[in-house]
C-alpha atoms as a PDB file:
ATOM      1  CA  UNK A   1       0.361  -0.499   0.006  1.00  0.00           C
ATOM      2  CA  UNK A   2       2.711   2.351   0.334  1.00  0.00           C
ATOM      3  CA  UNK A   3       5.112   1.399  -2.605  1.00  0.00           C
ATOM      4  CA  UNK A   4       4.153   4.351  -4.964  1.00  0.00           C
ATOM      5  CA  UNK A   5       4.257   7.213  -2.241  1.00  0.00           C
ATOM      6  CA  UNK A   6       7.190  10.332  -3.141  1.00  0.00           C
ATOM      7  CA  UNK A   7       8.543  12.429  -0.791  1.00  0.00           C
ATOM      8  CA  UNK A   8       8.050  16.232  -2.388  1.00  0.00           C
ATOM      9  CA  UNK A   9       8.042  19.406  -0.322  1.00  0.00           C
ATOM     10  CA  UNK A  10       4.912  20.624   1.129  1.00  0.00           C
ATOM     11  CA  UNK A  11       3.550  23.659   3.942  1.00  0.00           C
ATOM     12  CA  UNK A  12       0.647  22.437   6.695  1.00  0.00           C
ATOM     13  CA  UNK A  13       0.052  24.059   9.694  1.00  0.00           C
ATOM     14  CA  UNK A  14       0.791  21.097  11.133  1.00  0.00           C
ATOM     15  CA  UNK A  15       4.436  20.814   9.840  1.00  0.00           C
ATOM     16  CA  UNK A  16       5.001  24.896  11.158  1.00  0.00           C
ATOM     17  CA  UNK A  17       4.131  24.008  14.568  1.00  0.00           C
ATOM     18  CA  UNK A  18       6.103  20.881  14.695  1.00  0.00           C
ATOM     19  CA  UNK A  19       9.076  22.658  12.902  1.00  0.00           C
ATOM     20  CA  UNK A  20       8.898  25.935  15.746  1.00  0.00           C
ATOM     21  CA  UNK A  21       8.721  22.968  18.921  1.00  0.00           C
ATOM     22  CA  UNK A  22      11.248  21.079  17.778  1.00  0.00           C
ATOM     23  CA  UNK A  23      13.208  21.079  14.290  1.00  0.00           C
ATOM     24  CA  UNK A  24      14.533  17.971  15.147  1.00  0.00           C
ATOM     25  CA  UNK A  25      11.108  16.106  15.944  1.00  0.00           C
ATOM     26  CA  UNK A  26      10.272  17.819  12.617  1.00  0.00           C
ATOM     27  CA  UNK A  27      12.848  15.340  10.735  1.00  0.00           C
ATOM     28  CA  UNK A  28      12.204  12.474  12.550  1.00  0.00           C
ATOM     29  CA  UNK A  29       8.468  12.805  11.637  1.00  0.00           C
ATOM     30  CA  UNK A  30       9.045  13.566   7.968  1.00  0.00           C
ATOM     31  CA  UNK A  31      11.897  12.213   6.794  1.00  0.00           C
ATOM     32  CA  UNK A  32      13.264   9.539   9.868  1.00  0.00           C
ATOM     33  CA  UNK A  33       9.809   7.892   9.340  1.00  0.00           C
ATOM     34  CA  UNK A  34      10.502   7.239   5.813  1.00  0.00           C
ATOM     35  CA  UNK A  35       9.844   3.579   5.043  1.00  0.00           C
ATOM     36  CA  UNK A  36       9.733   3.402   9.028  1.00  0.00           C
ATOM     37  CA  UNK A  37       6.112   0.623   7.648  1.00  0.00           C
ATOM     38  CA  UNK A  38       8.665  -1.500   6.252  1.00  0.00           C
ATOM     39  CA  UNK A  39       9.666  -4.178   8.291  1.00  0.00           C
ATOM     40  CA  UNK A  40      12.793  -4.171   6.786  1.00  0.00           C
ATOM     41  CA  UNK A  41      13.527  -1.078   7.907  1.00  0.00           C
ATOM     42  CA  UNK A  42      16.426   0.521   9.960  1.00  0.00           C
ATOM     43  CA  UNK A  43      15.100   0.053  13.395  1.00  0.00           C
ATOM     44  CA  UNK A  44      15.016   4.245  13.815  1.00  0.00           C
ATOM     45  CA  UNK A  45      13.094   4.214  10.524  1.00  0.00           C
ATOM     46  CA  UNK A  46      10.597   1.687  12.152  1.00  0.00           C
ATOM     47  CA  UNK A  47      10.818   3.389  15.846  1.00  0.00           C
ATOM     48  CA  UNK A  48       9.695   7.505  13.942  1.00  0.00           C
ATOM     49  CA  UNK A  49       7.212   5.617  11.621  1.00  0.00           C
ATOM     50  CA  UNK A  50       5.564   4.468  15.343  1.00  0.00           C
ATOM     51  CA  UNK A  51       6.401   6.935  17.528  1.00  0.00           C
ATOM     52  CA  UNK A  52       4.864  10.167  14.589  1.00  0.00           C
ATOM     53  CA  UNK A  53       1.619   8.116  15.132  1.00  0.00           C
ATOM     54  CA  UNK A  54       1.164   8.349  18.964  1.00  0.00           C
ATOM     55  CA  UNK A  55      -1.870  11.115  19.509  1.00  0.00           C
ATOM     56  CA  UNK A  56      -1.982  13.267  22.247  1.00  0.00           C
ATOM     57  CA  UNK A  57      -5.553  13.361  24.136  1.00  0.00           C
ATOM     58  CA  UNK A  58      -6.740  16.423  22.732  1.00  0.00           C
ATOM     59  CA  UNK A  59      -5.603  15.275  19.555  1.00  0.00           C
ATOM     60  CA  UNK A  60      -7.910  12.073  20.461  1.00  0.00           C
ATOM     61  CA  UNK A  61     -10.637  13.721  21.179  1.00  0.00           C
ATOM     62  CA  UNK A  62     -11.276  16.469  18.668  1.00  0.00           C
ATOM     63  CA  UNK A  63     -10.838  13.460  15.666  1.00  0.00           C
ATOM     64  CA  UNK A  64     -13.359  11.635  17.372  1.00  0.00           C
ATOM     65  CA  UNK A  65     -15.603  14.460  17.575  1.00  0.00           C
ATOM     66  CA  UNK A  66     -14.960  15.594  13.879  1.00  0.00           C
ATOM     67  CA  UNK A  67     -15.557  11.621  12.343  1.00  0.00           C
ATOM     68  CA  UNK A  68     -18.644  11.222  14.511  1.00  0.00           C
ATOM     69  CA  UNK A  69     -19.764  14.745  13.650  1.00  0.00           C
ATOM     70  CA  UNK A  70     -19.028  13.704   9.346  1.00  0.00           C
ATOM     71  CA  UNK A  71     -20.583  10.395  10.221  1.00  0.00           C
ATOM     72  CA  UNK A  72     -23.673  11.988  12.159  1.00  0.00           C
ATOM     73  CA  UNK A  73     -24.435  13.796   8.634  1.00  0.00           C
ATOM     74  CA  UNK A  74     -23.514  11.230   6.384  1.00  0.00           C
ATOM     75  CA  UNK A  75     -26.133   8.678   8.379  1.00  0.00           C
ATOM     76  CA  UNK A  76     -29.098  11.313   8.611  1.00  0.00           C
ATOM     77  CA  UNK A  77     -29.046  11.439   4.868  1.00  0.00           C
ATOM     78  CA  UNK A  78     -31.362   8.557   4.577  1.00  0.00           C
ATOM     79  CA  UNK A  79     -33.186   9.217   8.058  1.00  0.00           C
ATOM     80  CA  UNK A  80     -35.151  11.135   9.710  1.00  0.00           C
ATOM     81  CA  UNK A  81     -32.667  10.657  12.710  1.00  0.00           C
ATOM     82  CA  UNK A  82     -32.581  13.482  15.050  1.00  0.00           C
ATOM     83  CA  UNK A  83     -29.510  15.026  14.568  1.00  0.00           C
ATOM     84  CA  UNK A  84     -28.333  14.517  18.487  1.00  0.00           C
ATOM     85  CA  UNK A  85     -30.071  11.131  18.815  1.00  0.00           C
ATOM     86  CA  UNK A  86     -27.543   9.822  15.797  1.00  0.00           C
ATOM     87  CA  UNK A  87     -24.380  11.962  17.080  1.00  0.00           C
ATOM     88  CA  UNK A  88     -24.871  10.733  20.424  1.00  0.00           C
ATOM     89  CA  UNK A  89     -25.176   6.806  18.292  1.00  0.00           C
ATOM     90  CA  UNK A  90     -21.776   7.666  16.610  1.00  0.00           C
ATOM     91  CA  UNK A  91     -19.914   9.140  19.554  1.00  0.00           C
ATOM     92  CA  UNK A  92     -20.298   5.954  21.310  1.00  0.00           C
ATOM     93  CA  UNK A  93     -19.721   4.052  18.074  1.00  0.00           C
ATOM     94  CA  UNK A  94     -16.138   5.182  17.625  1.00  0.00           C
ATOM     95  CA  UNK A  95     -15.384   5.836  21.118  1.00  0.00           C
ATOM     96  CA  UNK A  96     -15.793   2.061  21.634  1.00  0.00           C
ATOM     97  CA  UNK A  97     -13.843   1.226  18.984  1.00  0.00           C
ATOM     98  CA  UNK A  98     -10.733   3.290  19.996  1.00  0.00           C
ATOM     99  CA  UNK A  99     -10.930   2.109  23.301  1.00  0.00           C
ATOM    100  CA  UNK A 100     -11.181  -1.480  22.015  1.00  0.00           C
ATOM    101  CA  UNK A 101      -7.853  -1.001  19.586  1.00  0.00           C
ATOM    102  CA  UNK A 102      -5.879   0.580  23.355  1.00  0.00           C
ATOM    103  CA  UNK A 103      -6.845  -1.755  25.391  1.00  0.00           C
ATOM    104  CA  UNK A 104      -6.007  -4.116  22.532  1.00  0.00           C
ATOM    105  CA  UNK A 105      -2.763  -2.575  21.858  1.00  0.00           C
ATOM    106  CA  UNK A 106      -3.655  -3.658  18.601  1.00  0.00           C
ATOM    107  CA  UNK A 107      -0.965  -0.011  18.244  1.00  0.00           C
ATOM    108  CA  UNK A 108       1.679  -2.570  18.203  1.00  0.00           C
ATOM    109  CA  UNK A 109       0.709  -4.253  14.979  1.00  0.00           C
ATOM    110  CA  UNK A 110       0.282  -1.395  13.173  1.00  0.00           C
ATOM    111  CA  UNK A 111       1.426   1.896  14.155  1.00  0.00           C
ATOM    112  CA  UNK A 112      -1.655   3.598  12.644  1.00  0.00           C
ATOM    113  CA  UNK A 113      -4.075   2.249  15.189  1.00  0.00           C
ATOM    114  CA  UNK A 114      -4.995   4.850  18.080  1.00  0.00           C
ATOM    115  CA  UNK A 115      -1.962   5.092  20.778  1.00  0.00           C
ATOM    116  CA  UNK A 116      -2.172   8.057  23.777  1.00  0.00           C
ATOM    117  CA  UNK A 117       1.504   9.265  24.181  1.00  0.00           C
ATOM    118  CA  UNK A 118       0.363   9.454  27.793  1.00  0.00           C
ATOM    119  CA  UNK A 119      -0.309   5.849  27.608  1.00  0.00           C
ATOM    120  CA  UNK A 120       2.833   4.149  25.361  1.00  0.00           C
ATOM    121  CA  UNK A 121       5.279   6.349  28.111  1.00  0.00           C
ATOM    122  CA  UNK A 122       3.572   4.845  31.057  1.00  0.00           C
ATOM    123  CA  UNK A 123       2.818   8.604  31.936  1.00  0.00           C
ATOM    124  CA  UNK A 124      -0.661   7.110  32.654  1.00  0.00           C
ATOM    125  CA  UNK A 125      -2.600   3.851  32.682  1.00  0.00           C
ATOM    126  CA  UNK A 126      -5.385   2.992  30.006  1.00  0.00           C
ATOM    127  CA  UNK A 127      -7.732   3.198  32.787  1.00  0.00           C
ATOM    128  CA  UNK A 128      -7.752   7.026  33.099  1.00  0.00           C
ATOM    129  CA  UNK A 129      -7.213   8.104  29.942  1.00  0.00           C
ATOM    130  CA  UNK A 130     -10.358   5.783  29.250  1.00  0.00           C
ATOM    131  CA  UNK A 131     -12.384   7.791  31.871  1.00  0.00           C
ATOM    132  CA  UNK A 132     -10.822  11.036  30.449  1.00  0.00           C
ATOM    133  CA  UNK A 133     -12.122  10.823  26.579  1.00  0.00           C
ATOM    134  CA  UNK A 134     -15.373   9.640  28.240  1.00  0.00           C
ATOM    135  CA  UNK A 135     -15.802  12.394  30.279  1.00  0.00           C
ATOM    136  CA  UNK A 136     -14.641  15.206  27.542  1.00  0.00           C
ATOM    137  CA  UNK A 137     -17.100  13.299  25.142  1.00  0.00           C
ATOM    138  CA  UNK A 138     -19.703  13.103  27.121  1.00  0.00           C
ATOM    139  CA  UNK A 139     -19.258  17.545  27.881  1.00  0.00           C
ATOM    140  CA  UNK A 140     -19.035  17.832  24.243  1.00  0.00           C
ATOM    141  CA  UNK A 141     -22.504  16.408  23.852  1.00  0.00           C
ATOM    142  CA  UNK A 142     -23.946  18.100  26.310  1.00  0.00           C
ATOM    143  CA  UNK A 143     -22.985  21.634  24.996  1.00  0.00           C
ATOM    144  CA  UNK A 144     -23.562  20.425  21.447  1.00  0.00           C
ATOM    145  CA  UNK A 145     -27.045  19.513  22.471  1.00  0.00           C
ATOM    146  CA  UNK A 146     -27.695  22.697  24.497  1.00  0.00           C
ATOM    147  CA  UNK A 147     -25.919  24.989  20.669  1.00  0.00           C
ATOM    148  CA  UNK A 148     -27.199  26.709  18.003  1.00  0.00           C
ATOM    149  CA  UNK A 149     -24.475  25.055  15.890  1.00  0.00           C
ATOM    150  CA  UNK A 150     -26.375  21.638  15.903  1.00  0.00           C
ATOM    151  CA  UNK A 151     -29.988  23.466  15.001  1.00  0.00           C
ATOM    152  CA  UNK A 152     -27.897  25.061  12.029  1.00  0.00           C
ATOM    153  CA  UNK A 153     -26.397  22.086  10.893  1.00  0.00           C
ATOM    154  CA  UNK A 154     -29.476  19.590  11.611  1.00  0.00           C
ATOM    155  CA  UNK A 155     -31.207  21.747   8.313  1.00  0.00           C
ATOM    156  CA  UNK A 156     -28.136  21.757   6.199  1.00  0.00           C
ATOM    157  CA  UNK A 157     -29.380  18.564   3.718  1.00  0.00           C
ATOM    158  CA  UNK A 158     -26.585  16.351   2.840  1.00  0.00           C
ATOM    159  CA  UNK A 159     -25.523  17.543  -0.716  1.00  0.00           C
ATOM    160  CA  UNK A 160     -24.385  20.990   0.894  1.00  0.00           C
ATOM    161  CA  UNK A 161     -21.404  19.274   2.488  1.00  0.00           C
ATOM    162  CA  UNK A 162     -17.886  18.746   0.885  1.00  0.00           C
ATOM    163  CA  UNK A 163     -16.155  15.964   1.110  1.00  0.00           C
ATOM    164  CA  UNK A 164     -13.165  16.902   4.733  1.00  0.00           C
ATOM    165  CA  UNK A 165     -12.401  13.263   5.987  1.00  0.00           C
ATOM    166  CA  UNK A 166      -8.949  13.233   4.048  1.00  0.00           C
ATOM    167  CA  UNK A 167      -6.548  16.353   3.987  1.00  0.00           C
ATOM    168  CA  UNK A 168      -7.587  18.867   1.303  1.00  0.00           C
ATOM    169  CA  UNK A 169      -4.780  21.240  -0.363  1.00  0.00           C
ATOM    170  CA  UNK A 170      -3.830  24.640  -2.453  1.00  0.00           C
ATOM    171  CA  UNK A 171      -1.244  26.304  -4.029  1.00  0.00           C
ATOM    172  CA  UNK A 172       0.650  29.702  -3.038  1.00  0.00           C
ATOM    173  CA  UNK A 173       2.767  30.022  -6.109  1.00  0.00           C
ATOM    174  CA  UNK A 174       4.350  26.867  -6.147  1.00  0.00           C
ATOM    175  CA  UNK A 175       4.156  26.046  -2.690  1.00  0.00           C
ATOM    176  CA  UNK A 176       1.420  23.023  -1.997  1.00  0.00           C
ATOM    177  CA  UNK A 177      -0.377  23.687   0.899  1.00  0.00           C
ATOM    178  CA  UNK A 178      -1.941  21.192   2.916  1.00  0.00           C
ATOM    179  CA  UNK A 179      -5.468  21.658   4.816  1.00  0.00           C
ATOM    180  CA  UNK A 180      -7.815  20.158   7.189  1.00  0.00           C
ATOM    181  CA  UNK A 181     -10.481  21.793   7.800  1.00  0.00           C
ATOM    182  CA  UNK A 182     -13.141  20.102   9.635  1.00  0.00           C
ATOM    183  CA  UNK A 183     -16.788  20.849   7.966  1.00  0.00           C
ATOM    184  CA  UNK A 184     -17.176  22.899   4.894  1.00  0.00           C
ATOM    185  CA  UNK A 185     -20.778  23.285   3.431  1.00  0.00           C
ATOM    186  CA  UNK A 186     -21.646  25.802   0.756  1.00  0.00           C
ATOM    187  CA  UNK A 187     -25.764  26.250   1.051  1.00  0.00           C
ATOM    188  CA  UNK A 188     -27.965  28.948   0.077  1.00  0.00           C
ATOM    189  CA  UNK A 189     -25.346  30.429  -2.045  1.00  0.00           C
ATOM    190  CA  UNK A 190     -23.010  30.935   0.989  1.00  0.00           C
ATOM    191  CA  UNK A 191     -19.806  29.399   1.989  1.00  0.00           C
ATOM    192  CA  UNK A 192     -19.188  28.142   4.949  1.00  0.00           C
ATOM    193  CA  UNK A 193     -16.146  26.611   7.243  1.00  0.00           C
ATOM    194  CA  UNK A 194     -15.723  25.407  10.076  1.00  0.00           C
ATOM    195  CA  UNK A 195     -13.676  23.696  12.791  1.00  0.00           C
ATOM    196  CA  UNK A 196     -13.524  22.906  16.405  1.00  0.00           C
ATOM    197  CA  UNK A 197     -10.965  24.293  18.669  1.00  0.00           C
ATOM    198  CA  UNK A 198      -9.802  22.256  21.896  1.00  0.00           C
ATOM    199  CA  UNK A 199      -6.872  24.421  22.985  1.00  0.00           C
ATOM    200  CA  UNK A 200      -7.559  27.462  21.972  1.00  0.00           C
ATOM    201  CA  UNK A 201      -4.617  28.193  20.080  1.00  0.00           C
ATOM    202  CA  UNK A 202      -3.624  29.273  16.268  1.00  0.00           C
ATOM    203  CA  UNK A 203      -7.674  29.361  15.985  1.00  0.00           C
ATOM    204  CA  UNK A 204      -7.205  32.709  13.547  1.00  0.00           C
ATOM    205  CA  UNK A 205      -4.510  31.186  11.789  1.00  0.00           C
ATOM    206  CA  UNK A 206      -6.159  28.204  10.828  1.00  0.00           C
ATOM    207  CA  UNK A 207      -9.538  29.981   9.883  1.00  0.00           C
ATOM    208  CA  UNK A 208      -7.331  32.150   8.023  1.00  0.00           C
ATOM    209  CA  UNK A 209      -5.476  29.238   5.834  1.00  0.00           C
ATOM    210  CA  UNK A 210      -8.790  27.005   5.722  1.00  0.00           C
ATOM    211  CA  UNK A 211     -10.634  30.434   4.272  1.00  0.00           C
ATOM    212  CA  UNK A 212      -8.019  30.611   1.188  1.00  0.00           C
ATOM    213  CA  UNK A 213      -8.733  27.281   0.547  1.00  0.00           C
ATOM    214  CA  UNK A 214     -11.844  27.277  -0.388  1.00  0.00           C
ATOM    215  CA  UNK A 215     -11.451  31.029  -1.974  1.00  0.00           C
ATOM    216  CA  UNK A 216      -8.741  29.564  -3.910  1.00  0.00           C
ATOM    217  CA  UNK A 217     -10.401  25.866  -4.952  1.00  0.00           C
ATOM    218  CA  UNK A 218     -14.477  27.871  -5.365  1.00  0.00           C
ATOM    219  CA  UNK A 219     -12.468  30.885  -7.247  1.00  0.00           C
ATOM    220  CA  UNK A 220     -14.226  33.612  -4.864  1.00  0.00           C
ATOM    221  CA  UNK A 221     -12.680  36.024  -2.813  1.00  0.00           C
ATOM    222  CA  UNK A 222     -12.440  35.913   0.589  1.00  0.00           C
ATOM    223  CA  UNK A 223     -15.106  38.293   2.184  1.00  0.00           C
ATOM    224  CA  UNK A 224     -17.808  35.410   0.580  1.00  0.00           C
ATOM    225  CA  UNK A 225     -16.930  32.839   3.170  1.00  0.00           C
ATOM    226  CA  UNK A 226     -17.830  32.362   6.719  1.00  0.00           C
ATOM    227  CA  UNK A 227     -15.308  30.885   8.903  1.00  0.00           C
ATOM    228  CA  UNK A 228     -17.100  29.247  11.731  1.00  0.00           C
ATOM    229  CA  UNK A 229     -14.246  28.653  15.466  1.00  0.00           C
ATOM    230  CA  UNK A 230     -16.490  26.167  17.727  1.00  0.00           C
ATOM    231  CA  UNK A 231     -14.581  26.594  21.689  1.00  0.00           C
ATOM    232  CA  UNK A 232     -15.962  24.294  24.026  1.00  0.00           C
ATOM    233  CA  UNK A 233     -16.935  25.715  27.763  1.00  0.00           C
ATOM    234  CA  UNK A 234     -18.752  23.584  30.014  1.00  0.00           C
ATOM    235  CA  UNK A 235     -22.427  22.698  28.890  1.00  0.00           C
ATOM    236  CA  UNK A 236     -21.804  25.070  26.402  1.00  0.00           C
ATOM    237  CA  UNK A 237     -19.857  25.553  22.527  1.00  0.00           C
ATOM    238  CA  UNK A 238     -19.014  29.050  21.511  1.00  0.00           C
ATOM    239  CA  UNK A 239     -18.981  29.965  17.459  1.00  0.00           C
ATOM    240  CA  UNK A 240     -16.604  32.503  17.326  1.00  0.00           C
ATOM    241  CA  UNK A 241     -15.856  34.737  12.939  1.00  0.00           C
ATOM    242  CA  UNK A 242     -12.989  35.915  12.410  1.00  0.00           C
ATOM    243  CA  UNK A 243      -9.757  35.175  10.523  1.00  0.00           C
ATOM    244  CA  UNK A 244      -5.874  36.485  10.359  1.00  0.00           C
ATOM    245  CA  UNK A 245      -5.673  38.692   7.282  1.00  0.00           C
ATOM    246  CA  UNK A 246      -4.946  36.338   4.766  1.00  0.00           C
ATOM    247  CA  UNK A 247      -1.924  39.031   3.520  1.00  0.00           C
ATOM    248  CA  UNK A 248      -0.507  38.032   6.830  1.00  0.00           C
ATOM    249  CA  UNK A 249      -1.012  34.464   6.213  1.00  0.00           C
ATOM    250  CA  UNK A 250       0.852  34.518   3.175  1.00  0.00           C
ATOM    251  CA  UNK A 251       3.568  36.285   4.271  1.00  0.00           C
ATOM    252  CA  UNK A 252       3.521  33.835   7.016  1.00  0.00           C
ATOM    253  CA  UNK A 253       3.504  30.680   5.374  1.00  0.00           C
ATOM    254  CA  UNK A 254       5.770  31.299   2.876  1.00  0.00           C
ATOM    255  CA  UNK A 255       8.771  32.584   5.405  1.00  0.00           C
ATOM    256  CA  UNK A 256       7.702  29.045   6.980  1.00  0.00           C
ATOM    257  CA  UNK A 257       8.096  27.142   4.392  1.00  0.00           C
ATOM    258  CA  UNK A 258      11.338  28.972   3.223  1.00  0.00           C
ATOM    259  CA  UNK A 259      13.123  28.646   6.802  1.00  0.00           C
ATOM    260  CA  UNK A 260      11.882  24.515   6.639  1.00  0.00           C
ATOM    261  CA  UNK A 261      13.265  24.300   3.045  1.00  0.00           C
ATOM    262  CA  UNK A 262      16.700  25.750   3.610  1.00  0.00           C
ATOM    263  CA  UNK A 263      16.992  22.845   6.394  1.00  0.00           C
ATOM    264  CA  UNK A 264      17.313  20.263   3.016  1.00  0.00           C
ATOM    265  CA  UNK A 265      20.942  19.928   1.267  1.00  0.00           C
ATOM    266  CA  UNK A 266      21.538  21.064  -2.477  1.00  0.00           C
ATOM    267  CA  UNK A 267      20.030  17.706  -3.524  1.00  0.00           C
ATOM    268  CA  UNK A 268      16.806  18.273  -1.481  1.00  0.00           C
ATOM    269  CA  UNK A 269      17.727  15.569   1.035  1.00  0.00           C
ATOM    270  CA  UNK A 270      17.392  15.612   4.685  1.00  0.00           C
ATOM    271  CA  UNK A 271      19.804  14.948   7.459  1.00  0.00           C
ATOM    272  CA  UNK A 272      19.760  14.946  10.551  1.00  0.00           C
ATOM    273  CA  UNK A 273      22.143  16.588  11.768  1.00  0.00           C
ATOM    274  CA  UNK A 274      20.695  19.762   9.653  1.00  0.00           C
ATOM    275  CA  UNK A 275      17.543  19.834  12.359  1.00  0.00           C
ATOM    276  CA  UNK A 276      19.266  20.528  15.282  1.00  0.00           C
ATOM    277  CA  UNK A 277      17.163  19.404  18.934  1.00  0.00           C
ATOM    278  CA  UNK A 278      15.760  22.070  20.330  1.00  0.00           C
ATOM    279  CA  UNK A 279      18.068  23.935  23.705  1.00  0.00           C
ATOM    280  CA  UNK A 280      14.973  23.695  25.583  1.00  0.00           C
ATOM    281  CA  UNK A 281      15.002  20.881  27.540  1.00  0.00           C
ATOM    282  CA  UNK A 282      10.999  20.600  28.806  1.00  0.00           C
ATOM    283  CA  UNK A 283       9.969  20.751  25.537  1.00  0.00           C
ATOM    284  CA  UNK A 284      11.541  16.981  25.029  1.00  0.00           C
ATOM    285  CA  UNK A 285       9.741  15.856  28.194  1.00  0.00           C
ATOM    286  CA  UNK A 286       6.528  16.339  26.301  1.00  0.00           C
ATOM    287  CA  UNK A 287       8.396  14.958  22.537  1.00  0.00           C
ATOM    288  CA  UNK A 288       6.855  11.673  21.282  1.00  0.00           C
ATOM    289  CA  UNK A 289      10.036  11.124  20.037  1.00  0.00           C
ATOM    290  CA  UNK A 290      11.776  11.252  22.753  1.00  0.00           C
ATOM    291  CA  UNK A 291      12.551   7.966  22.920  1.00  0.00           C
ATOM    292  CA  UNK A 292      15.157   7.936  20.471  1.00  0.00           C
ATOM    293  CA  UNK A 293      16.023  11.279  20.315  1.00  0.00           C
ATOM    294  CA  UNK A 294      17.141  11.911  24.098  1.00  0.00           C
END
């Protein structure tokens, strides 16, 4: 399944963030892990490939929520089930599957199966993680049930939504920029993008990148797009509308991509020594690659 994969330079907000966090971690994630799916690959490559698929609890929670919303929208196209009732069913289904994989340690045979970094490094046990995610999903469901967002989504017909299960991309000059909006739809002549924000970081930047994606791929001005960012509070969720200005976003992307690309050799190869470790040892304590890097 991997034999036709090739490495081409591209940019994403995740790449920008991990490079800023630690350049060596960036190397392990995107270059050191290459070919690590092959059982005959070097041991460090296999380890990097395994470790790059570890998830933080927060990223795991968001992935469950996004998948449940998408499944609810898809399922309801052929049923009259209430949105909140179907959403609860989908959350339980996805959560049960993920927890089963975690408890069975399925990731040991397939690194792409769900594994949480806190469990892998024995910082928290499976039961505590299970309790945490169940509480998170219960709270998010309660927040959504009481929100105008669910009422809004339940009134939008299925064909209005576009597929966001796989990452999308656009080009900024010759640079390929990857994006992963949680939901996008077009209804009554209005374009909409929605992202769930569980950490309150970079929300306006992310919203702006997704707006550029929708603007370019649909050939419309960014002012015609509504960008929704959803924040969760106890028993409530709040929608904020706004983005960082597109000119500023383009400038940041180009500068970031230029800096990352400068670490590659003249022949576009990536060498570990060109990606220095962070000088802040505190970061290392929370990095998923600390098993092979420290």
